[in-house]
Amino acid sequence: MKVILNAVFIFPLLLGGVASASAAEPVRDVTGLERLGMISVANASTLSDLESLLKAKAEQRNARYFKIVSASGDNRLYGTAVIYR
C-alpha cells in the first residue's frame, strides 16, 4: 500500500533530536527566512531516517533550517524539503 504523508502530519513525528548551533534544524514558521531551494532524498527505511537524510543534505547546502514538504513510499521512503538560511 502506497503511503503519502503531508508535512503537516509527519512534522511532529520528525521533531525529536536536539540540533547543535551549526546543524540544520526542522522549522515550522519560515517567516523572515531566506529560501535557498529544494532538496530531495530517497531510500530511507523510516521517517527518522528520512529526516536524518534531509538534514544531512540541508547541511551540505549550508542551510540552517529545513521544512519537510512531502514524504512517500512503499518499502522505501523518499521525501522533499525546502531549505532556508
Protein backbone atom coordinates (compact mmCIF):
# COMPACT_ATOMS: atom_id res chain seq x y z
CA MET A 1 0.00 0.00 0.00
CA LYS A 2 1.44 3.32 -1.03
CA VAL A 3 1.59 5.87 1.73
CA ILE A 4 1.61 9.57 1.03
CA LEU A 5 2.20 11.80 4.01
CA ASN A 6 1.84 15.55 4.15
CA ALA A 7 4.44 17.52 6.10
CA VAL A 8 1.70 18.70 8.45
CA PHE A 9 1.21 15.12 9.61
CA ILE A 10 4.80 13.92 9.66
CA PHE A 11 6.50 17.03 11.01
CA PRO A 12 5.61 16.34 14.67
CA LEU A 13 6.97 12.80 14.26
CA LEU A 14 10.24 14.10 12.92
CA LEU A 15 10.93 16.53 15.74
CA GLY A 16 12.79 14.82 18.47
CA GLY A 17 16.52 15.34 18.25
CA VAL A 18 18.33 18.33 19.64
CA ALA A 19 20.30 20.10 16.94
CA SER A 20 23.58 21.86 17.53
CA ALA A 21 24.09 25.51 16.60
CA SER A 22 25.74 24.63 13.27
CA ALA A 23 23.35 21.83 12.31
CA ALA A 24 20.29 22.35 10.14
CA GLU A 25 17.07 22.29 12.16
CA PRO A 26 13.50 21.44 11.20
CA VAL A 27 11.28 24.53 11.24
CA ARG A 28 7.55 25.26 11.01
CA ASP A 29 7.39 29.06 10.68
CA VAL A 30 9.56 30.28 7.82
CA THR A 31 8.63 33.95 8.15
CA GLY A 32 11.72 36.08 7.66
CA LEU A 33 13.93 33.21 6.48
CA GLU A 34 15.72 33.27 3.14
CA ARG A 35 14.69 30.37 0.91
CA LEU A 36 17.68 28.62 -0.64
CA GLY A 37 15.88 25.97 -2.68
CA MET A 38 14.54 22.42 -2.58
CA ILE A 39 16.25 19.17 -1.69
CA SER A 40 15.15 15.57 -2.06
CA VAL A 41 16.35 12.21 -0.77
CA ALA A 42 15.39 8.58 -1.33
CA ASN A 43 15.82 5.10 0.14
CA ALA A 44 15.01 5.87 3.78
CA SER A 45 13.62 2.95 5.76
CA THR A 46 11.83 5.01 8.45
CA LEU A 47 10.60 8.57 8.92
CA SER A 48 13.51 9.19 11.29
CA ASP A 49 15.94 8.02 8.61
CA LEU A 50 14.23 10.30 6.10
CA GLU A 51 14.62 13.28 8.42
CA SER A 52 18.30 12.44 9.01
CA LEU A 53 18.98 12.21 5.27
CA LEU A 54 17.22 15.52 4.62
CA LYS A 55 19.09 17.15 7.50
CA ALA A 56 22.45 15.96 6.15
CA LYS A 57 21.65 17.22 2.66
CA ALA A 58 20.48 20.58 4.05
CA GLU A 59 23.77 20.92 5.95
CA GLN A 60 25.72 20.14 2.75
CA ARG A 61 23.95 23.10 1.16
CA ASN A 62 24.82 25.36 4.14
CA ALA A 63 21.19 25.68 5.20
CA ARG A 64 20.31 26.44 8.82
CA TYR A 65 16.71 25.24 8.57
CA PHE A 66 14.59 22.88 6.52
CA LYS A 67 10.86 22.28 6.20
CA ILE A 68 9.75 18.84 5.05
CA VAL A 69 7.02 19.23 2.46
CA SER A 70 6.48 15.64 1.32
CA ALA A 71 7.24 12.05 2.17
CA SER A 72 6.06 8.97 0.34
CA GLY A 73 6.94 5.40 -0.45
CA ASP A 74 6.19 1.72 -0.14
CA ASN A 75 9.06 -0.23 1.42
CA ARG A 76 11.48 2.65 0.98
CA LEU A 77 10.60 6.29 1.68
CA TYR A 78 11.55 9.37 -0.27
CA GLY A 79 10.89 12.98 0.56
CA THR A 80 11.46 16.62 -0.24
CA ALA A 81 12.16 19.68 1.85
CA VAL A 82 12.58 23.40 1.35
CA ILE A 83 15.84 24.72 2.80
CA TYR A 84 16.36 28.11 4.40
CA ARG A 85 19.10 30.36 5.74
